[in-house]
Amino acid sequence: ADPVVVDELEDIARITGRPEFKKRSIFHALD
């Protein structure tokens, strides 16, 4: 239930300073 990879990020939050990398949603979703 509610794994740590629950992904509800806004698109703007995914962009990093290198196009090869995108931010991933990994957090304590359940808690």
All heavy atoms as atom14 arrays in JSON, in Angstrom:
{
  "sequence": "ADPVVVDELEDIARITGRPEFKKRSIFHALD",
  "atom14_mask": [
    [1, 1, 1, 1, 1, 0, 0, 0, 0, 0, 0, 0, 0, 0],
    [1, 1, 1, 1, 1, 1, 1, 1, 0, 0, 0, 0, 0, 0],
    [1, 1, 1, 1, 1, 1, 1, 0, 0, 0, 0, 0, 0, 0],
    [1, 1, 1, 1, 1, 1, 1, 0, 0, 0, 0, 0, 0, 0],
    [1, 1, 1, 1, 1, 1, 1, 0, 0, 0, 0, 0, 0, 0],
    [1, 1, 1, 1, 1, 1, 1, 0, 0, 0, 0, 0, 0, 0],
    [1, 1, 1, 1, 1, 1, 1, 1, 0, 0, 0, 0, 0, 0],
    [1, 1, 1, 1, 1, 1, 1, 1, 1, 0, 0, 0, 0, 0],
    [1, 1, 1, 1, 1, 1, 1, 1, 0, 0, 0, 0, 0, 0],
    [1, 1, 1, 1, 1, 1, 1, 1, 1, 0, 0, 0, 0, 0],
    [1, 1, 1, 1, 1, 1, 1, 1, 0, 0, 0, 0, 0, 0],
    [1, 1, 1, 1, 1, 1, 1, 1, 0, 0, 0, 0, 0, 0],
    [1, 1, 1, 1, 1, 0, 0, 0, 0, 0, 0, 0, 0, 0],
    [1, 1, 1, 1, 1, 1, 1, 1, 1, 1, 1, 0, 0, 0],
    [1, 1, 1, 1, 1, 1, 1, 1, 0, 0, 0, 0, 0, 0],
    [1, 1, 1, 1, 1, 1, 1, 0, 0, 0, 0, 0, 0, 0],
    [1, 1, 1, 1, 0, 0, 0, 0, 0, 0, 0, 0, 0, 0],
    [1, 1, 1, 1, 1, 1, 1, 1, 1, 1, 1, 0, 0, 0],
    [1, 1, 1, 1, 1, 1, 1, 0, 0, 0, 0, 0, 0, 0],
    [1, 1, 1, 1, 1, 1, 1, 1, 1, 0, 0, 0, 0, 0],
    [1, 1, 1, 1, 1, 1, 1, 1, 1, 1, 1, 0, 0, 0],
    [1, 1, 1, 1, 1, 1, 1, 1, 1, 0, 0, 0, 0, 0],
    [1, 1, 1, 1, 1, 1, 1, 1, 1, 0, 0, 0, 0, 0],
    [1, 1, 1, 1, 1, 1, 1, 1, 1, 1, 1, 0, 0, 0],
    [1, 1, 1, 1, 1, 1, 0, 0, 0, 0, 0, 0, 0, 0],
    [1, 1, 1, 1, 1, 1, 1, 1, 0, 0, 0, 0, 0, 0],
    [1, 1, 1, 1, 1, 1, 1, 1, 1, 1, 1, 0, 0, 0],
    [1, 1, 1, 1, 1, 1, 1, 1, 1, 1, 0, 0, 0, 0],
    [1, 1, 1, 1, 1, 0, 0, 0, 0, 0, 0, 0, 0, 0],
    [1, 1, 1, 1, 1, 1, 1, 1, 0, 0, 0, 0, 0, 0],
    [1, 1, 1, 1, 1, 1, 1, 1, 0, 0, 0, 0, 0, 0]
  ],
  "atom14_positions": [
    [[0.83, -1.2, 0.0], [0.0, 0.0, 0.0], [0.87, 1.25, 0.0], [1.86, 1.33, 0.73], [-0.92, 0.02, 1.22], [0.0, 0.0, 0.0], [0.0, 0.0, 0.0], [0.0, 0.0, 0.0], [0.0, 0.0, 0.0], [0.0, 0.0, 0.0], [0.0, 0.0, 0.0], [0.0, 0.0, 0.0], [0.0, 0.0, 0.0], [0.0, 0.0, 0.0]],
    [[0.49, 2.22, -0.82], [1.22, 3.49, -0.93], [2.73, 3.27, -0.9], [3.43, 3.7, 0.04], [0.8, 4.45, 0.18], [-0.47, 5.2, -0.15], [-0.84, 5.25, -1.34], [-1.1, 5.76, 0.77], [0.0, 0.0, 0.0], [0.0, 0.0, 0.0], [0.0, 0.0, 0.0], [0.0, 0.0, 0.0], [0.0, 0.0, 0.0], [0.0, 0.0, 0.0]],
    [[3.28, 2.6, -1.92], [4.73, 2.37, -1.97], [5.5, 3.68, -1.95], [4.96, 4.75, -2.22], [4.92, 1.64, -3.31], [3.57, 1.1, -3.66], [2.59, 2.06, -3.1], [0.0, 0.0, 0.0], [0.0, 0.0, 0.0], [0.0, 0.0, 0.0], [0.0, 0.0, 0.0], [0.0, 0.0, 0.0], [0.0, 0.0, 0.0], [0.0, 0.0, 0.0]],
    [[6.79, 3.58, -1.66], [7.63, 4.77, -1.56], [7.78, 5.49, -2.9], [8.31, 6.6, -2.96], [9.02, 4.42, -1.0], [8.91, 3.95, 0.45], [9.71, 3.36, -1.86], [0.0, 0.0, 0.0], [0.0, 0.0, 0.0], [0.0, 0.0, 0.0], [0.0, 0.0, 0.0], [0.0, 0.0, 0.0], [0.0, 0.0, 0.0], [0.0, 0.0, 0.0]],
    [[7.32, 4.86, -3.99], [7.46, 5.46, -5.32], [6.14, 6.04, -5.84], [6.0, 6.28, -7.04], [8.0, 4.44, -6.34], [9.44, 4.08, -6.02], [7.13, 3.18, -6.37], [0.0, 0.0, 0.0], [0.0, 0.0, 0.0], [0.0, 0.0, 0.0], [0.0, 0.0, 0.0], [0.0, 0.0, 0.0], [0.0, 0.0, 0.0], [0.0, 0.0, 0.0]],
    [[5.18, 6.28, -4.94], [3.96, 6.98, -5.36], [4.36, 8.28, -6.05], [5.14, 9.08, -5.52], [3.05, 7.28, -4.15], [1.98, 8.3, -4.52], [2.4, 6.0, -3.64], [0.0, 0.0, 0.0], [0.0, 0.0, 0.0], [0.0, 0.0, 0.0], [0.0, 0.0, 0.0], [0.0, 0.0, 0.0], [0.0, 0.0, 0.0], [0.0, 0.0, 0.0]],
    [[3.85, 8.5, -7.25], [4.3, 9.62, -8.08], [3.14, 10.55, -8.42], [2.26, 10.22, -9.21], [4.94, 9.1, -9.36], [5.64, 10.19, -10.16], [5.42, 11.39, -9.85], [6.38, 9.86, -11.09], [0.0, 0.0, 0.0], [0.0, 0.0, 0.0], [0.0, 0.0, 0.0], [0.0, 0.0, 0.0], [0.0, 0.0, 0.0], [0.0, 0.0, 0.0]],
    [[3.16, 11.73, -7.79], [2.18, 12.78, -8.07], [2.86, 14.11, -8.38], [2.27, 15.17, -8.29], [1.24, 12.94, -6.86], [0.47, 11.67, -6.52], [-0.25, 11.73, -5.19], [0.18, 12.49, -4.3], [-1.26, 11.02, -5.03], [0.0, 0.0, 0.0], [0.0, 0.0, 0.0], [0.0, 0.0, 0.0], [0.0, 0.0, 0.0], [0.0, 0.0, 0.0]],
    [[4.16, 14.03, -8.73], [4.95, 15.24, -8.94], [4.4, 16.08, -10.09], [3.96, 15.55, -11.12], [6.4, 14.89, -9.26], [7.24, 14.19, -8.19], [8.67, 14.06, -8.67], [7.19, 14.93, -6.86], [0.0, 0.0, 0.0], [0.0, 0.0, 0.0], [0.0, 0.0, 0.0], [0.0, 0.0, 0.0], [0.0, 0.0, 0.0], [0.0, 0.0, 0.0]],
    [[4.46, 17.39, -9.92], [4.19, 18.29, -11.04], [5.36, 18.19, -12.01], [6.5, 17.94, -11.63], [4.02, 19.72, -10.53], [2.75, 19.92, -9.72], [2.55, 21.38, -9.32], [3.54, 22.15, -9.33], [1.41, 21.74, -8.99], [0.0, 0.0, 0.0], [0.0, 0.0, 0.0], [0.0, 0.0, 0.0], [0.0, 0.0, 0.0], [0.0, 0.0, 0.0]],
    [[5.08, 18.39, -13.29], [6.12, 18.24, -14.31], [7.31, 19.14, -14.06], [8.46, 18.74, -14.3], [5.53, 18.51, -15.7], [4.59, 17.41, -16.16], [4.67, 16.29, -15.6], [3.76, 17.66, -17.06], [0.0, 0.0, 0.0], [0.0, 0.0, 0.0], [0.0, 0.0, 0.0], [0.0, 0.0, 0.0], [0.0, 0.0, 0.0], [0.0, 0.0, 0.0]],
    [[7.07, 20.35, -13.58], [8.17, 21.29, -13.38], [9.14, 20.8, -12.32], [10.33, 21.12, -12.33], [7.62, 22.7, -13.01], [8.72, 23.75, -13.17], [7.04, 22.72, -11.59], [8.21, 25.18, -13.06], [0.0, 0.0, 0.0], [0.0, 0.0, 0.0], [0.0, 0.0, 0.0], [0.0, 0.0, 0.0], [0.0, 0.0, 0.0], [0.0, 0.0, 0.0]],
    [[8.64, 19.97, -11.39], [9.49, 19.45, -10.32], [10.43, 18.36, -10.81], [11.39, 18.01, -10.12], [8.62, 18.91, -9.19], [0.0, 0.0, 0.0], [0.0, 0.0, 0.0], [0.0, 0.0, 0.0], [0.0, 0.0, 0.0], [0.0, 0.0, 0.0], [0.0, 0.0, 0.0], [0.0, 0.0, 0.0], [0.0, 0.0, 0.0], [0.0, 0.0, 0.0]],
    [[10.18, 17.82, -11.98], [10.99, 16.71, -12.49], [12.26, 17.19, -13.21], [13.2, 16.44, -13.41], [10.18, 15.86, -13.47], [8.9, 15.31, -12.89], [8.14, 14.48, -13.95], [6.8, 14.18, -13.5], [6.48, 13.18, -12.68], [7.43, 12.39, -12.24], [5.23, 12.97, -12.31], [0.0, 0.0, 0.0], [0.0, 0.0, 0.0], [0.0, 0.0, 0.0]],
    [[12.27, 18.44, -13.64], [13.35, 18.95, -14.48], [14.59, 19.25, -13.64], [14.52, 19.89, -12.6], [12.9, 20.21, -15.25], [11.72, 19.88, -16.15], [14.06, 20.78, -16.07], [11.08, 21.09, -16.8], [0.0, 0.0, 0.0], [0.0, 0.0, 0.0], [0.0, 0.0, 0.0], [0.0, 0.0, 0.0], [0.0, 0.0, 0.0], [0.0, 0.0, 0.0]],
    [[15.74, 18.77, -14.11], [17.02, 19.02, -13.43], [17.91, 19.86, -14.34], [17.53, 20.23, -15.46], [17.72, 17.7, -13.1], [18.25, 17.12, -14.32], [16.78, 16.71, -12.44], [0.0, 0.0, 0.0], [0.0, 0.0, 0.0], [0.0, 0.0, 0.0], [0.0, 0.0, 0.0], [0.0, 0.0, 0.0], [0.0, 0.0, 0.0], [0.0, 0.0, 0.0]],
    [[19.13, 20.1, -13.89], [20.08, 20.89, -14.66], [20.77, 20.14, -15.78], [21.62, 20.71, -16.5], [0.0, 0.0, 0.0], [0.0, 0.0, 0.0], [0.0, 0.0, 0.0], [0.0, 0.0, 0.0], [0.0, 0.0, 0.0], [0.0, 0.0, 0.0], [0.0, 0.0, 0.0], [0.0, 0.0, 0.0], [0.0, 0.0, 0.0], [0.0, 0.0, 0.0]],
    [[20.44, 18.86, -15.96], [20.95, 18.07, -17.06], [19.79, 17.29, -17.67], [19.05, 16.61, -16.95], [22.02, 17.06, -16.58], [23.35, 17.67, -16.16], [24.16, 18.21, -17.31], [24.3, 17.26, -18.42], [25.08, 17.48, -19.47], [25.78, 18.61, -19.55], [25.15, 16.59, -20.45], [0.0, 0.0, 0.0], [0.0, 0.0, 0.0], [0.0, 0.0, 0.0]],
    [[19.63, 17.34, -18.98], [18.51, 16.64, -19.61], [18.58, 15.12, -19.46], [17.58, 14.43, -19.61], [18.6, 17.05, -21.08], [20.01, 17.51, -21.27], [20.43, 18.11, -19.96], [0.0, 0.0, 0.0], [0.0, 0.0, 0.0], [0.0, 0.0, 0.0], [0.0, 0.0, 0.0], [0.0, 0.0, 0.0], [0.0, 0.0, 0.0], [0.0, 0.0, 0.0]],
    [[19.77, 14.6, -19.15], [19.91, 13.15, -18.97], [19.27, 12.66, -17.66], [19.03, 11.47, -17.49], [21.4, 12.74, -18.96], [22.14, 13.06, -20.24], [22.82, 14.43, -20.2], [22.39, 15.29, -19.38], [23.78, 14.63, -20.96], [0.0, 0.0, 0.0], [0.0, 0.0, 0.0], [0.0, 0.0, 0.0], [0.0, 0.0, 0.0], [0.0, 0.0, 0.0]],
    [[19.02, 13.59, -16.76], [18.51, 13.21, -15.44], [17.15, 13.85, -15.2], [16.95, 15.04, -15.48], [19.46, 13.67, -14.33], [20.83, 13.07, -14.42], [21.85, 13.73, -15.09], [21.1, 11.84, -13.83], [23.12, 13.19, -15.17], [22.38, 11.29, -13.91], [23.38, 11.96, -14.58], [0.0, 0.0, 0.0], [0.0, 0.0, 0.0], [0.0, 0.0, 0.0]],
    [[16.23, 13.06, -14.66], [14.95, 13.58, -14.21], [14.73, 13.18, -12.76], [15.09, 12.07, -12.35], [13.8, 13.04, -15.08], [13.7, 13.7, -16.44], [12.39, 13.35, -17.13], [12.27, 14.12, -18.45], [10.98, 13.82, -19.14], [0.0, 0.0, 0.0], [0.0, 0.0, 0.0], [0.0, 0.0, 0.0], [0.0, 0.0, 0.0], [0.0, 0.0, 0.0]],
    [[14.16, 14.08, -12.0], [13.89, 13.8, -10.6], [12.84, 12.71, -10.48], [11.85, 12.7, -11.2], [13.4, 15.07, -9.9], [13.2, 14.94, -8.41], [12.82, 16.29, -7.83], [12.64, 16.22, -6.34], [12.31, 17.54, -5.77], [0.0, 0.0, 0.0], [0.0, 0.0, 0.0], [0.0, 0.0, 0.0], [0.0, 0.0, 0.0], [0.0, 0.0, 0.0]],
    [[13.08, 11.77, -9.55], [12.13, 10.71, -9.29], [11.38, 10.98, -7.99], [11.89, 11.65, -7.08], [12.84, 9.36, -9.16], [13.42, 8.82, -10.45], [13.73, 7.34, -10.3], [14.79, 7.07, -9.34], [15.05, 5.86, -8.83], [14.3, 4.83, -9.17], [16.04, 5.69, -7.98], [0.0, 0.0, 0.0], [0.0, 0.0, 0.0], [0.0, 0.0, 0.0]],
    [[10.17, 10.47, -7.91], [9.39, 10.59, -6.69], [9.67, 9.38, -5.82], [9.21, 8.27, -6.09], [7.89, 10.66, -7.02], [7.13, 10.75, -5.83], [0.0, 0.0, 0.0], [0.0, 0.0, 0.0], [0.0, 0.0, 0.0], [0.0, 0.0, 0.0], [0.0, 0.0, 0.0], [0.0, 0.0, 0.0], [0.0, 0.0, 0.0], [0.0, 0.0, 0.0]],
    [[10.45, 9.57, -4.76], [10.74, 8.52, -3.78], [10.66, 9.16, -2.4], [11.53, 9.96, -2.03], [12.13, 7.89, -3.99], [12.28, 7.33, -5.41], [12.36, 6.79, -2.97], [13.64, 6.71, -5.68], [0.0, 0.0, 0.0], [0.0, 0.0, 0.0], [0.0, 0.0, 0.0], [0.0, 0.0, 0.0], [0.0, 0.0, 0.0], [0.0, 0.0, 0.0]],
    [[9.62, 8.84, -1.66], [9.44, 9.44, -0.33], [8.59, 8.49, 0.52], [8.11, 7.46, 0.06], [8.8, 10.82, -0.45], [7.35, 10.8, -0.86], [6.34, 11.09, 0.05], [6.98, 10.49, -2.17], [5.0, 11.07, -0.33], [5.65, 10.48, -2.57], [4.66, 10.76, -1.64], [0.0, 0.0, 0.0], [0.0, 0.0, 0.0], [0.0, 0.0, 0.0]],
    [[8.4, 8.84, 1.79], [7.64, 7.99, 2.71], [6.15, 8.24, 2.49], [5.46, 8.86, 3.3], [8.04, 8.3, 4.14], [9.47, 8.02, 4.45], [10.46, 8.96, 4.26], [10.09, 6.9, 4.91], [11.63, 8.45, 4.6], [11.43, 7.2, 5.0], [0.0, 0.0, 0.0], [0.0, 0.0, 0.0], [0.0, 0.0, 0.0], [0.0, 0.0, 0.0]],
    [[5.66, 7.71, 1.36], [4.28, 8.01, 0.95], [3.26, 7.54, 1.97], [2.32, 8.27, 2.31], [4.0, 7.37, -0.41], [0.0, 0.0, 0.0], [0.0, 0.0, 0.0], [0.0, 0.0, 0.0], [0.0, 0.0, 0.0], [0.0, 0.0, 0.0], [0.0, 0.0, 0.0], [0.0, 0.0, 0.0], [0.0, 0.0, 0.0], [0.0, 0.0, 0.0]],
    [[3.4, 6.33, 2.47], [2.4, 5.77, 3.38], [2.3, 6.61, 4.65], [1.2, 7.02, 5.06], [2.75, 4.32, 3.72], [1.79, 3.62, 4.68], [0.42, 3.43, 4.04], [2.37, 2.28, 5.12], [0.0, 0.0, 0.0], [0.0, 0.0, 0.0], [0.0, 0.0, 0.0], [0.0, 0.0, 0.0], [0.0, 0.0, 0.0], [0.0, 0.0, 0.0]],
    [[3.42, 6.87, 5.28], [3.41, 7.63, 6.53], [2.94, 9.06, 6.3], [2.15, 9.61, 7.08], [4.79, 7.62, 7.17], [4.8, 8.3, 8.53], [4.4, 7.65, 9.51], [5.19, 9.48, 8.61], [0.0, 0.0, 0.0], [0.0, 0.0, 0.0], [0.0, 0.0, 0.0], [0.0, 0.0, 0.0], [0.0, 0.0, 0.0], [0.0, 0.0, 0.0]]
  ]
}
